[in-house]
C-alpha atoms as a PDB file:
ATOM      1  CA  MET A   1     116.805 180.223 203.512  1.00  0.00           C
ATOM      2  CA  PRO A   2     114.105 182.915 203.631  1.00  0.00           C
ATOM      3  CA  ALA A   3     114.293 185.566 206.332  1.00  0.00           C
ATOM      4  CA  VAL A   4     111.712 185.049 209.092  1.00  0.00           C
ATOM      5  CA  LEU A   5     110.135 188.229 210.416  1.00  0.00           C
ATOM      6  CA  LEU A   6     110.182 188.193 214.204  1.00  0.00           C
ATOM      7  CA  PRO A   7     107.853 190.735 215.889  1.00  0.00           C
ATOM      8  CA  GLN A   8     110.608 192.062 218.130  1.00  0.00           C
ATOM      9  CA  LYS A   9     112.705 192.969 215.069  1.00  0.00           C
ATOM     10  CA  VAL A  10     109.982 194.931 213.286  1.00  0.00           C
ATOM     11  CA  LYS A  11     109.967 198.694 213.840  1.00  0.00           C
ATOM     12  CA  ILE A  12     106.728 200.644 213.425  1.00  0.00           C
ATOM     13  CA  PHE A  13     106.500 204.295 212.376  1.00  0.00           C
ATOM     14  CA  PRO A  14     103.516 206.592 211.670  1.00  0.00           C
ATOM     15  CA  ALA A  15     105.571 208.557 209.113  1.00  0.00           C
ATOM     16  CA  ILE A  16     106.198 207.105 205.650  1.00  0.00           C
ATOM     17  CA  PRO A  17     109.679 207.603 204.119  1.00  0.00           C
ATOM     18  CA  ALA A  18     109.752 209.810 201.022  1.00  0.00           C
ATOM     19  CA  GLN A  19     110.640 206.940 198.675  1.00  0.00           C
ATOM     20  CA  TYR A  20     107.413 205.121 199.636  1.00  0.00           C
ATOM     21  CA  GLN A  21     105.004 208.070 199.563  1.00  0.00           C
ATOM     22  CA  ARG A  22     103.669 207.001 196.156  1.00  0.00           C
ATOM     23  CA  TYR A  23     102.155 203.925 197.836  1.00  0.00           C
ATOM     24  CA  VAL A  24     100.089 205.964 200.327  1.00  0.00           C
ATOM     25  CA  TYR A  25      96.397 206.687 199.662  1.00  0.00           C
ATOM     26  CA  PRO A  26      94.163 209.402 201.190  1.00  0.00           C
ATOM     27  CA  PHE A  27      91.449 207.139 202.636  1.00  0.00           C
ATOM     28  CA  SER A  28      93.129 206.455 206.015  1.00  0.00           C
ATOM     29  CA  LYS A  29      96.264 207.062 208.050  1.00  0.00           C
ATOM     30  CA  PRO A  30      99.192 204.858 207.010  1.00  0.00           C
ATOM     31  CA  LEU A  31     101.404 202.741 209.234  1.00  0.00           C
ATOM     32  CA  PHE A  32     104.952 201.850 208.209  1.00  0.00           C
ATOM     33  CA  LYS A  33     106.574 198.609 209.411  1.00  0.00           C
ATOM     34  CA  THR A  34     110.167 197.866 208.542  1.00  0.00           C
ATOM     35  CA  THR A  35     113.251 195.690 209.040  1.00  0.00           C
ATOM     36  CA  PRO A  36     116.592 195.990 207.217  1.00  0.00           C
ATOM     37  CA  THR A  37     115.271 193.803 204.349  1.00  0.00           C
ATOM     38  CA  PHE A  38     111.495 194.273 204.451  1.00  0.00           C
ATOM     39  CA  SER A  39     108.985 197.134 204.489  1.00  0.00           C
ATOM     40  CA  ARG A  40     105.194 197.103 204.783  1.00  0.00           C
ATOM     41  CA  ILE A  41     102.667 199.922 204.400  1.00  0.00           C
ATOM     42  CA  GLU A  42      99.272 199.299 205.990  1.00  0.00           C
ATOM     43  CA  GLN A  43      96.175 201.469 205.764  1.00  0.00           C
ATOM     44  CA  VAL A  44      92.975 200.412 207.510  1.00  0.00           C
ATOM     45  CA  THR A  45      89.399 201.619 207.648  1.00  0.00           C
ATOM     46  CA  THR A  46      86.285 200.000 209.084  1.00  0.00           C
ATOM     47  CA  ILE A  47      82.555 199.951 208.488  1.00  0.00           C
ATOM     48  CA  PRO A  48      79.984 197.997 210.508  1.00  0.00           C
ATOM     49  CA  GLY A  49      80.775 194.345 209.860  1.00  0.00           C
ATOM     50  CA  CYS A  50      83.968 194.808 207.850  1.00  0.00           C
ATOM     51  CA  ARG A  51      87.610 195.769 208.357  1.00  0.00           C
ATOM     52  CA  VAL A  52      89.265 196.977 205.143  1.00  0.00           C
ATOM     53  CA  SER A  53      93.045 196.936 204.709  1.00  0.00           C
ATOM     54  CA  SER A  54      95.270 198.168 201.898  1.00  0.00           C
ATOM     55  CA  ILE A  55      98.623 196.397 202.260  1.00  0.00           C
ATOM     56  CA  ILE A  56     101.841 196.795 200.295  1.00  0.00           C
ATOM     57  CA  ASN A  57     104.831 194.532 201.030  1.00  0.00           C
ATOM     58  CA  ILE A  58     108.300 195.403 199.740  1.00  0.00           C
ATOM     59  CA  ALA A  59     110.775 192.544 200.247  1.00  0.00           C
ATOM     60  CA  GLU A  60     114.454 192.646 199.331  1.00  0.00           C
ATOM     61  CA  GLU A  61     114.836 188.886 199.830  1.00  0.00           C
ATOM     62  CA  GLU A  62     112.651 185.836 200.390  1.00  0.00           C
ATOM     63  CA  THR A  63     110.665 186.543 203.538  1.00  0.00           C
ATOM     64  CA  VAL A  64     108.324 184.621 205.837  1.00  0.00           C
ATOM     65  CA  ILE A  65     105.704 186.471 207.885  1.00  0.00           C
ATOM     66  CA  ARG A  66     104.276 184.460 210.786  1.00  0.00           C
ATOM     67  CA  GLN A  67     100.878 185.371 212.188  1.00  0.00           C
ATOM     68  CA  ASN A  68      98.993 183.754 215.048  1.00  0.00           C
ATOM     69  CA  ARG A  69      95.253 184.273 214.691  1.00  0.00           C
ATOM     70  CA  LYS A  70      93.326 184.187 217.949  1.00  0.00           C
ATOM     71  CA  ARG A  71      89.957 183.738 216.239  1.00  0.00           C
ATOM     72  CA  ALA A  72      88.501 182.567 212.953  1.00  0.00           C
ATOM     73  CA  VAL A  73      88.072 185.158 210.224  1.00  0.00           C
ATOM     74  CA  ILE A  74      86.251 185.361 206.887  1.00  0.00           C
ATOM     75  CA  MET A  75      88.307 187.318 204.409  1.00  0.00           C
ATOM     76  CA  LEU A  76      88.057 188.499 200.813  1.00  0.00           C
ATOM     77  CA  GLN A  77      91.456 189.214 199.296  1.00  0.00           C
ATOM     78  CA  VAL A  78      91.949 190.984 195.971  1.00  0.00           C
ATOM     79  CA  THR A  79      95.590 190.657 194.882  1.00  0.00           C
ATOM     80  CA  LEU A  80      96.620 193.691 192.829  1.00  0.00           C
ATOM     81  CA  SER A  81     100.282 192.898 192.170  1.00  0.00           C
ATOM     82  CA  GLY A  82     102.880 190.263 192.965  1.00  0.00           C
ATOM     83  CA  GLU A  83     102.321 186.862 194.536  1.00  0.00           C
ATOM     84  CA  ILE A  84     102.056 185.468 198.063  1.00  0.00           C
ATOM     85  CA  ILE A  85     102.058 181.848 199.215  1.00  0.00           C
ATOM     86  CA  CYS A  86      99.826 181.446 202.251  1.00  0.00           C
ATOM     87  CA  SER A  87     100.178 178.524 204.669  1.00  0.00           C
ATOM     88  CA  LEU A  88      96.851 178.020 206.447  1.00  0.00           C
ATOM     89  CA  PRO A  89      96.366 176.784 210.035  1.00  0.00           C
ATOM     90  CA  SER A  90      95.408 173.407 208.496  1.00  0.00           C
ATOM     91  CA  SER A  91      98.915 173.303 206.899  1.00  0.00           C
ATOM     92  CA  GLU A  92      97.445 173.601 203.382  1.00  0.00           C
ATOM     93  CA  LYS A  93      99.222 176.096 201.128  1.00  0.00           C
ATOM     94  CA  ILE A  94      97.542 178.364 198.592  1.00  0.00           C
ATOM     95  CA  THR A  95      99.023 180.852 196.165  1.00  0.00           C
ATOM     96  CA  LEU A  96      97.537 184.343 195.969  1.00  0.00           C
ATOM     97  CA  SER A  97      98.484 185.769 192.561  1.00  0.00           C
ATOM     98  CA  LYS A  98      97.943 189.045 190.751  1.00  0.00           C
ATOM     99  CA  GLY A  99      94.426 189.422 189.392  1.00  0.00           C
ATOM    100  CA  GLU A 100      92.898 186.750 191.644  1.00  0.00           C
ATOM    101  CA  TYR A 101      90.060 187.130 194.132  1.00  0.00           C
ATOM    102  CA  HIS A 102      90.061 184.749 197.109  1.00  0.00           C
ATOM    103  CA  LEU A 103      87.355 184.221 199.698  1.00  0.00           C
ATOM    104  CA  LEU A 104      88.981 182.594 202.716  1.00  0.00           C
ATOM    105  CA  LYS A 105      87.824 181.291 206.041  1.00  0.00           C
ATOM    106  CA  LEU A 106      90.830 180.931 208.318  1.00  0.00           C
ATOM    107  CA  ASN A 107      90.465 179.233 211.668  1.00  0.00           C
ATOM    108  CA  ALA A 108      92.422 180.249 214.734  1.00  0.00           C
ATOM    109  CA  GLY A 109      96.041 179.159 214.682  1.00  0.00           C
ATOM    110  CA  GLN A 110      99.372 179.952 213.062  1.00  0.00           C
ATOM    111  CA  GLN A 111      99.485 181.221 209.512  1.00  0.00           C
ATOM    112  CA  GLN A 112     102.583 181.928 207.416  1.00  0.00           C
ATOM    113  CA  LEU A 113     102.979 184.171 204.380  1.00  0.00           C
ATOM    114  CA  TYR A 114     105.872 183.477 202.001  1.00  0.00           C
ATOM    115  CA  LEU A 115     107.019 186.482 199.967  1.00  0.00           C
ATOM    116  CA  GLN A 116     109.390 186.547 197.012  1.00  0.00           C
ATOM    117  CA  PRO A 117     111.700 189.558 196.518  1.00  0.00           C
ATOM    118  CA  GLY A 118     109.820 192.496 195.044  1.00  0.00           C
ATOM    119  CA  ILE A 119     106.529 194.293 195.639  1.00  0.00           C
ATOM    120  CA  ASN A 120     103.122 192.776 196.246  1.00  0.00           C
ATOM    121  CA  GLU A 121      99.941 194.720 196.851  1.00  0.00           C
ATOM    122  CA  PHE A 122      96.477 193.605 197.911  1.00  0.00           C
ATOM    123  CA  MET A 123      93.188 194.707 199.414  1.00  0.00           C
ATOM    124  CA  ARG A 124      91.829 192.643 202.304  1.00  0.00           C
ATOM    125  CA  PHE A 125      88.233 192.709 203.554  1.00  0.00           C
ATOM    126  CA  GLU A 126      87.573 190.915 206.857  1.00  0.00           C
ATOM    127  CA  ILE A 127      83.821 190.315 206.724  1.00  0.00           C
ATOM    128  CA  SER A 128      81.502 189.440 209.596  1.00  0.00           C
ATOM    129  CA  PRO A 129      79.087 186.517 209.054  1.00  0.00           C
ATOM    130  CA  ALA A 130      76.156 188.915 209.447  1.00  0.00           C
ATOM    131  CA  LEU A 131      77.395 191.209 206.669  1.00  0.00           C
ATOM    132  CA  LEU A 132      78.143 188.229 204.416  1.00  0.00           C
ATOM    133  CA  GLN A 133      74.576 187.013 204.919  1.00  0.00           C
ATOM    134  CA  GLU A 134      73.240 190.500 204.219  1.00  0.00           C
ATOM    135  CA  LEU A 135      75.165 190.855 200.960  1.00  0.00           C
ATOM    136  CA  LEU A 136      74.627 187.297 199.697  1.00  0.00           C
ATOM    137  CA  PRO A 137      71.458 185.897 201.305  1.00  0.00           C
ATOM    138  CA  ASP A 138      70.385 182.302 200.643  1.00  0.00           C
ATOM    139  CA  THR A 139      73.464 181.300 198.664  1.00  0.00           C
ATOM    140  CA  PHE A 140      75.296 178.006 198.715  1.00  0.00           C
ATOM    141  CA  LEU A 141      78.597 179.843 199.038  1.00  0.00           C
ATOM    142  CA  VAL A 142      77.502 181.472 202.298  1.00  0.00           C
ATOM    143  CA  ARG A 143      76.295 178.143 203.670  1.00  0.00           C
ATOM    144  CA  GLU A 144      79.595 176.511 202.787  1.00  0.00           C
ATOM    145  CA  ILE A 145      81.801 179.131 204.359  1.00  0.00           C
ATOM    146  CA  LEU A 146      79.707 179.592 207.522  1.00  0.00           C
ATOM    147  CA  THR A 147      79.137 175.911 208.307  1.00  0.00           C
ATOM    148  CA  LYS A 148      82.415 174.335 207.197  1.00  0.00           C
ATOM    149  CA  LYS A 149      84.580 173.608 210.241  1.00  0.00           C
ATOM    150  CA  GLY A 150      87.976 173.577 208.560  1.00  0.00           C
ATOM    151  CA  ASP A 151      89.788 176.248 206.574  1.00  0.00           C
ATOM    152  CA  TYR A 152      87.994 177.253 203.393  1.00  0.00           C
ATOM    153  CA  CYS A 153      89.126 178.865 200.151  1.00  0.00           C
ATOM    154  CA  THR A 154      87.438 179.602 196.841  1.00  0.00           C
ATOM    155  CA  THR A 155      89.186 181.455 194.019  1.00  0.00           C
ATOM    156  CA  SER A 156      88.256 183.426 190.929  1.00  0.00           C
ATOM    157  CA  VAL A 157      90.440 184.914 188.193  1.00  0.00           C
ATOM    158  CA  PRO A 158      88.123 187.320 186.346  1.00  0.00           C
ATOM    159  CA  GLU A 159      89.189 188.194 182.817  1.00  0.00           C
ATOM    160  CA  SER A 160      88.951 191.705 181.456  1.00  0.00           C
ATOM    161  CA  GLY A 161      85.317 192.705 181.581  1.00  0.00           C
ATOM    162  CA  ASN A 162      82.632 194.512 183.500  1.00  0.00           C
ATOM    163  CA  VAL A 163      83.153 192.795 186.869  1.00  0.00           C
ATOM    164  CA  LYS A 164      86.935 193.173 186.927  1.00  0.00           C
ATOM    165  CA  ASN A 165      86.740 196.796 185.766  1.00  0.00           C
ATOM    166  CA  LYS A 166      84.044 197.568 188.342  1.00  0.00           C
ATOM    167  CA  VAL A 167      86.004 196.043 191.242  1.00  0.00           C
ATOM    168  CA  HIS A 168      89.185 197.911 190.350  1.00  0.00           C
ATOM    169  CA  THR A 169      87.285 201.158 189.825  1.00  0.00           C
ATOM    170  CA  LEU A 170      85.707 200.787 193.271  1.00  0.00           C
ATOM    171  CA  ILE A 171      89.100 200.027 194.842  1.00  0.00           C
ATOM    172  CA  ASN A 172      90.565 203.167 193.268  1.00  0.00           C
ATOM    173  CA  GLN A 173      87.600 205.243 194.458  1.00  0.00           C
ATOM    174  CA  LEU A 174      87.802 203.760 197.954  1.00  0.00           C
ATOM    175  CA  ARG A 175      91.511 204.425 198.385  1.00  0.00           C
ATOM    176  CA  SER A 176      91.447 207.905 196.842  1.00  0.00           C
ATOM    177  CA  THR A 177      88.585 209.228 199.006  1.00  0.00           C
ATOM    178  CA  TYR A 178      89.543 211.457 201.930  1.00  0.00           C
ATOM    179  CA  ILE A 179      86.735 211.260 204.493  1.00  0.00           C
ATOM    180  CA  THR A 180      85.760 214.692 205.815  1.00  0.00           C
ATOM    181  CA  ASP A 181      82.103 214.275 206.807  1.00  0.00           C
ATOM    182  CA  GLY A 182      79.321 211.796 207.454  1.00  0.00           C
ATOM    183  CA  ILE A 183      78.041 211.932 203.876  1.00  0.00           C
ATOM    184  CA  GLN A 184      81.383 210.847 202.436  1.00  0.00           C
ATOM    185  CA  GLN A 185      81.582 208.164 205.101  1.00  0.00           C
ATOM    186  CA  LEU A 186      78.180 206.828 204.031  1.00  0.00           C
ATOM    187  CA  LYS A 187      79.259 206.764 200.395  1.00  0.00           C
ATOM    188  CA  GLN A 188      82.384 204.876 201.430  1.00  0.00           C
ATOM    189  CA  HIS A 189      80.248 202.315 203.281  1.00  0.00           C
ATOM    190  CA  THR A 190      78.121 201.793 200.170  1.00  0.00           C
ATOM    191  CA  ARG A 191      81.218 201.543 197.970  1.00  0.00           C
ATOM    192  CA  ILE A 192      82.814 198.880 200.190  1.00  0.00           C
ATOM    193  CA  LYS A 193      79.654 196.753 200.231  1.00  0.00           C
ATOM    194  CA  GLU A 194      79.277 197.043 196.461  1.00  0.00           C
ATOM    195  CA  LEU A 195      82.922 196.070 195.989  1.00  0.00           C
ATOM    196  CA  ILE A 196      82.594 192.976 198.183  1.00  0.00           C
ATOM    197  CA  SER A 197      79.397 191.869 196.425  1.00  0.00           C
ATOM    198  CA  SER A 198      80.873 192.430 192.959  1.00  0.00           C
ATOM    199  CA  ALA A 199      84.054 190.481 193.727  1.00  0.00           C
ATOM    200  CA  ILE A 200      82.292 187.579 195.425  1.00  0.00           C
ATOM    201  CA  THR A 201      79.829 187.137 192.537  1.00  0.00           C
ATOM    202  CA  THR A 202      82.783 185.978 190.418  1.00  0.00           C
ATOM    203  CA  LEU A 203      83.522 183.124 192.819  1.00  0.00           C
ATOM    204  CA  PRO A 204      82.354 179.546 192.188  1.00  0.00           C
ATOM    205  CA  LEU A 205      79.621 177.770 194.187  1.00  0.00           C
ATOM    206  CA  SER A 206      77.448 180.886 194.512  1.00  0.00           C
ATOM    207  CA  HIS A 207      74.228 179.125 193.478  1.00  0.00           C
ATOM    208  CA  LYS A 208      71.058 180.580 194.972  1.00  0.00           C
ATOM    209  CA  ASN A 209      68.242 178.890 196.807  1.00  0.00           C
ATOM    210  CA  ILE A 210      70.114 175.804 198.020  1.00  0.00           C
ATOM    211  CA  VAL A 211      68.386 174.293 201.060  1.00  0.00           C
ATOM    212  CA  MET A 212      70.565 174.407 204.148  1.00  0.00           C
ATOM    213  CA  ASN A 213      70.745 171.089 205.942  1.00  0.00           C
ATOM    214  CA  ASN A 214      71.858 172.413 209.319  1.00  0.00           C
ATOM    215  CA  PRO A 215      68.603 172.842 211.315  1.00  0.00           C
ATOM    216  CA  HIS A 216      70.071 175.449 213.677  1.00  0.00           C
ATOM    217  CA  HIS A 217      71.402 177.484 210.759  1.00  0.00           C
ATOM    218  CA  GLU A 218      68.058 177.131 208.959  1.00  0.00           C
ATOM    219  CA  ARG A 219      66.274 178.538 211.999  1.00  0.00           C
ATOM    220  CA  ILE A 220      68.606 181.526 212.211  1.00  0.00           C
ATOM    221  CA  THR A 221      67.996 182.157 208.501  1.00  0.00           C
ATOM    222  CA  ARG A 222      64.218 182.092 209.097  1.00  0.00           C
ATOM    223  CA  ILE A 223      64.638 184.498 212.013  1.00  0.00           C
ATOM    224  CA  GLN A 224      66.695 186.836 209.817  1.00  0.00           C
ATOM    225  CA  THR A 225      63.895 186.797 207.242  1.00  0.00           C
ATOM    226  CA  TYR A 226      61.309 187.547 209.933  1.00  0.00           C
ATOM    227  CA  ILE A 227      63.355 190.472 211.250  1.00  0.00           C
ATOM    228  CA  ASN A 228      63.904 191.938 207.788  1.00  0.00           C
ATOM    229  CA  GLU A 229      60.191 191.705 206.930  1.00  0.00           C
ATOM    230  CA  ASN A 230      58.989 193.146 210.257  1.00  0.00           C
ATOM    231  CA  LEU A 231      61.324 196.032 211.024  1.00  0.00           C
ATOM    232  CA  HIS A 232      58.301 198.221 211.802  1.00  0.00           C
ATOM    233  CA  LYS A 233      57.343 195.976 214.722  1.00  0.00           C
ATOM    234  CA  SER A 234      58.650 195.799 218.273  1.00  0.00           C
ATOM    235  CA  ILE A 235      61.260 193.011 218.122  1.00  0.00           C
ATOM    236  CA  SER A 236      63.406 191.696 220.957  1.00  0.00           C
ATOM    237  CA  LEU A 237      65.287 188.570 221.966  1.00  0.00           C
ATOM    238  CA  SER A 238      62.346 187.394 224.085  1.00  0.00           C
ATOM    239  CA  VAL A 239      59.811 188.030 221.296  1.00  0.00           C
ATOM    240  CA  LEU A 240      61.843 186.022 218.768  1.00  0.00           C
ATOM    241  CA  ALA A 241      62.457 183.220 221.258  1.00  0.00           C
ATOM    242  CA  GLY A 242      58.698 182.943 221.796  1.00  0.00           C
ATOM    243  CA  ILE A 243      57.858 182.926 218.086  1.00  0.00           C
ATOM    244  CA  TYR A 244      60.404 180.225 217.248  1.00  0.00           C
ATOM    245  CA  TYR A 245      60.010 178.101 220.418  1.00  0.00           C
ATOM    246  CA  ILE A 246      63.626 178.413 221.489  1.00  0.00           C
ATOM    247  CA  SER A 247      65.166 179.524 224.759  1.00  0.00           C
ATOM    248  CA  GLU A 248      66.631 183.019 224.871  1.00  0.00           C
ATOM    249  CA  SER A 249      70.050 181.647 225.810  1.00  0.00           C
ATOM    250  CA  LYS A 250      70.061 179.206 222.866  1.00  0.00           C
ATOM    251  CA  LEU A 251      68.921 181.913 220.444  1.00  0.00           C
ATOM    252  CA  LYS A 252      71.639 184.236 221.698  1.00  0.00           C
ATOM    253  CA  GLN A 253      74.216 181.450 221.344  1.00  0.00           C
ATOM    254  CA  ASP A 254      73.159 180.503 217.779  1.00  0.00           C
ATOM    255  CA  PHE A 255      73.007 184.121 216.642  1.00  0.00           C
ATOM    256  CA  LYS A 256      76.547 184.620 217.859  1.00  0.00           C
ATOM    257  CA  LYS A 257      77.722 181.351 216.287  1.00  0.00           C
ATOM    258  CA  TYR A 258      76.274 181.842 212.809  1.00  0.00           C
ATOM    259  CA  LEU A 259      76.206 185.625 212.458  1.00  0.00           C
ATOM    260  CA  ASN A 260      78.857 186.711 214.970  1.00  0.00           C
ATOM    261  CA  SER A 261      76.362 189.273 216.224  1.00  0.00           C
ATOM    262  CA  SER A 262      73.683 189.798 218.827  1.00  0.00           C
ATOM    263  CA  VAL A 263      69.991 190.048 217.962  1.00  0.00           C
ATOM    264  CA  GLN A 264      69.940 193.718 218.963  1.00  0.00           C
ATOM    265  CA  VAL A 265      72.990 194.659 216.891  1.00  0.00           C
ATOM    266  CA  TYR A 266      71.684 192.781 213.850  1.00  0.00           C
ATOM    267  CA  LEU A 267      68.243 194.378 214.217  1.00  0.00           C
ATOM    268  CA  GLN A 268      69.761 197.849 214.444  1.00  0.00           C
ATOM    269  CA  GLU A 269      71.950 197.241 211.380  1.00  0.00           C
ATOM    270  CA  GLN A 270      68.913 196.205 209.327  1.00  0.00           C
ATOM    271  CA  ARG A 271      66.823 199.145 210.510  1.00  0.00           C
ATOM    272  CA  MET A 272      69.501 201.696 209.757  1.00  0.00           C
ATOM    273  CA  GLY A 273      70.322 200.083 206.406  1.00  0.00           C
ATOM    274  CA  LYS A 274      66.687 200.154 205.285  1.00  0.00           C
ATOM    275  CA  ALA A 275      66.281 203.733 206.505  1.00  0.00           C
ATOM    276  CA  LEU A 276      69.351 204.869 204.567  1.00  0.00           C
ATOM    277  CA  ASN A 277      68.113 203.162 201.403  1.00  0.00           C
ATOM    278  CA  MET A 278      64.674 204.784 201.723  1.00  0.00           C
ATOM    279  CA  LEU A 279      66.171 208.218 202.351  1.00  0.00           C
ATOM    280  CA  GLN A 280      68.342 207.899 199.263  1.00  0.00           C
ATOM    281  CA  HIS A 281      65.815 206.316 196.899  1.00  0.00           C
ATOM    282  CA  SER A 282      62.331 207.467 197.926  1.00  0.00           C
ATOM    283  CA  ASP A 283      60.409 210.676 198.570  1.00  0.00           C
ATOM    284  CA  GLN A 284      58.723 209.435 201.742  1.00  0.00           C
ATOM    285  CA  GLU A 285      58.576 211.762 204.713  1.00  0.00           C
ATOM    286  CA  ILE A 286      61.254 211.168 207.340  1.00  0.00           C
ATOM    287  CA  SER A 287      58.523 210.533 209.924  1.00  0.00           C
ATOM    288  CA  ASP A 288      57.067 207.763 207.723  1.00  0.00           C
ATOM    289  CA  ILE A 289      60.499 206.202 207.251  1.00  0.00           C
ATOM    290  CA  ALA A 290      61.064 206.302 211.005  1.00  0.00           C
ATOM    291  CA  PHE A 291      57.792 204.431 211.554  1.00  0.00           C
ATOM    292  CA  GLU A 292      58.621 201.821 208.880  1.00  0.00           C
ATOM    293  CA  VAL A 293      61.863 200.919 210.638  1.00  0.00           C
ATOM    294  CA  GLY A 294      60.359 200.679 214.102  1.00  0.00           C
ATOM    295  CA  TYR A 295      60.551 204.163 215.635  1.00  0.00           C
ATOM    296  CA  ALA A 296      57.461 205.830 217.093  1.00  0.00           C
ATOM    297  CA  ASN A 297      58.922 209.335 216.892  1.00  0.00           C
ATOM    298  CA  VAL A 298      61.364 211.157 214.650  1.00  0.00           C
ATOM    299  CA  SER A 299      63.635 212.375 217.452  1.00  0.00           C
ATOM    300  CA  SER A 300      64.508 208.827 218.574  1.00  0.00           C
ATOM    301  CA  PHE A 301      65.065 207.784 214.961  1.00  0.00           C
ATOM    302  CA  THR A 302      67.280 210.805 214.267  1.00  0.00           C
ATOM    303  CA  ARG A 303      69.337 210.185 217.403  1.00  0.00           C
ATOM    304  CA  GLU A 304      70.014 206.543 216.471  1.00  0.00           C
ATOM    305  CA  PHE A 305      70.667 207.409 212.815  1.00  0.00           C
ATOM    306  CA  ARG A 306      73.261 209.987 213.860  1.00  0.00           C
ATOM    307  CA  LYS A 307      74.964 207.440 216.145  1.00  0.00           C
ATOM    308  CA  HIS A 308      75.136 204.969 213.281  1.00  0.00           C
ATOM    309  CA  TYR A 309      76.123 207.192 210.351  1.00  0.00           C
ATOM    310  CA  ALA A 310      77.528 210.377 211.963  1.00  0.00           C
ATOM    311  CA  CYS A 311      74.949 212.530 210.153  1.00  0.00           C
ATOM    312  CA  THR A 312      71.202 213.135 210.332  1.00  0.00           C
ATOM    313  CA  PRO A 313      68.440 211.885 208.004  1.00  0.00           C
ATOM    314  CA  LYS A 314      67.951 215.497 206.866  1.00  0.00           C
ATOM    315  CA  ASP A 315      71.617 215.652 205.850  1.00  0.00           C
ATOM    316  CA  ILE A 316      71.020 212.737 203.472  1.00  0.00           C
ATOM    317  CA  ARG A 317      67.977 214.413 201.949  1.00  0.00           C
ATOM    318  CA  ILE A 318      69.732 217.770 201.512  1.00  0.00           C
ATOM    319  CA  ARG A 319      72.616 216.083 199.754  1.00  0.00           C
END
């Protein structure tokens, strides 16, 4: 019988024993969880819309990890070594093997992970619906994973080639980067988004321009398009509700349901993302960029940019 990990039996330490130091990477502080027959090293970092985890399990015997999810989550998992059998809340079981990329939607409920003796290592990216839409707009895959009510899983096993090499290069860069300033943090944000996009493009059912047949979802998609094309304008919940003939409460509810975000948060993400891209890839004056993303003066733009990225627009230009 496999050993079942009970939370009360797991000890947690901030210090990593010497024999496991080779599994620790510079990108974030590690956490060490252990029992007499099982050890786990977790390292976590976050960007807006995504929680990134590097996880290494070391099991001396067959082990079951039980997790109780309080909310649904969309997750990309890149398995780097070993194998894990995952029992979903729907009771379906899937195998996560070395070299595979899985995009999962797990509903709230109990989940079990079955580990064989040995070491398994994976990267996990918990992605918000809004970020998924941003990275893969108008794709059938996004429609499937956001509208499907049950658990969802799609798998890819990329062979040696550009995509696989790129994903693993980005993982190595991500984990080996020690963040010391806002510029490095920005580069890490870009790296994580590029990694997610590159991995997900290998997955099946990612056909573009499929018409969504959920009218509420279609409307939110149209509103997203309007926001992205009109970032220079004054946009608010009430303005959007008026344009699309929907009550403010219903718009707020649908935005939360399909994008797991508020209108204001989504708007700010798009404005800051466009501003960063323009600062990095154009020679436009900072005042012009501020105007294009909806700010009447540079000081307000700079203040919000610093809040978002922990550095100023001038810092980006100097770099």
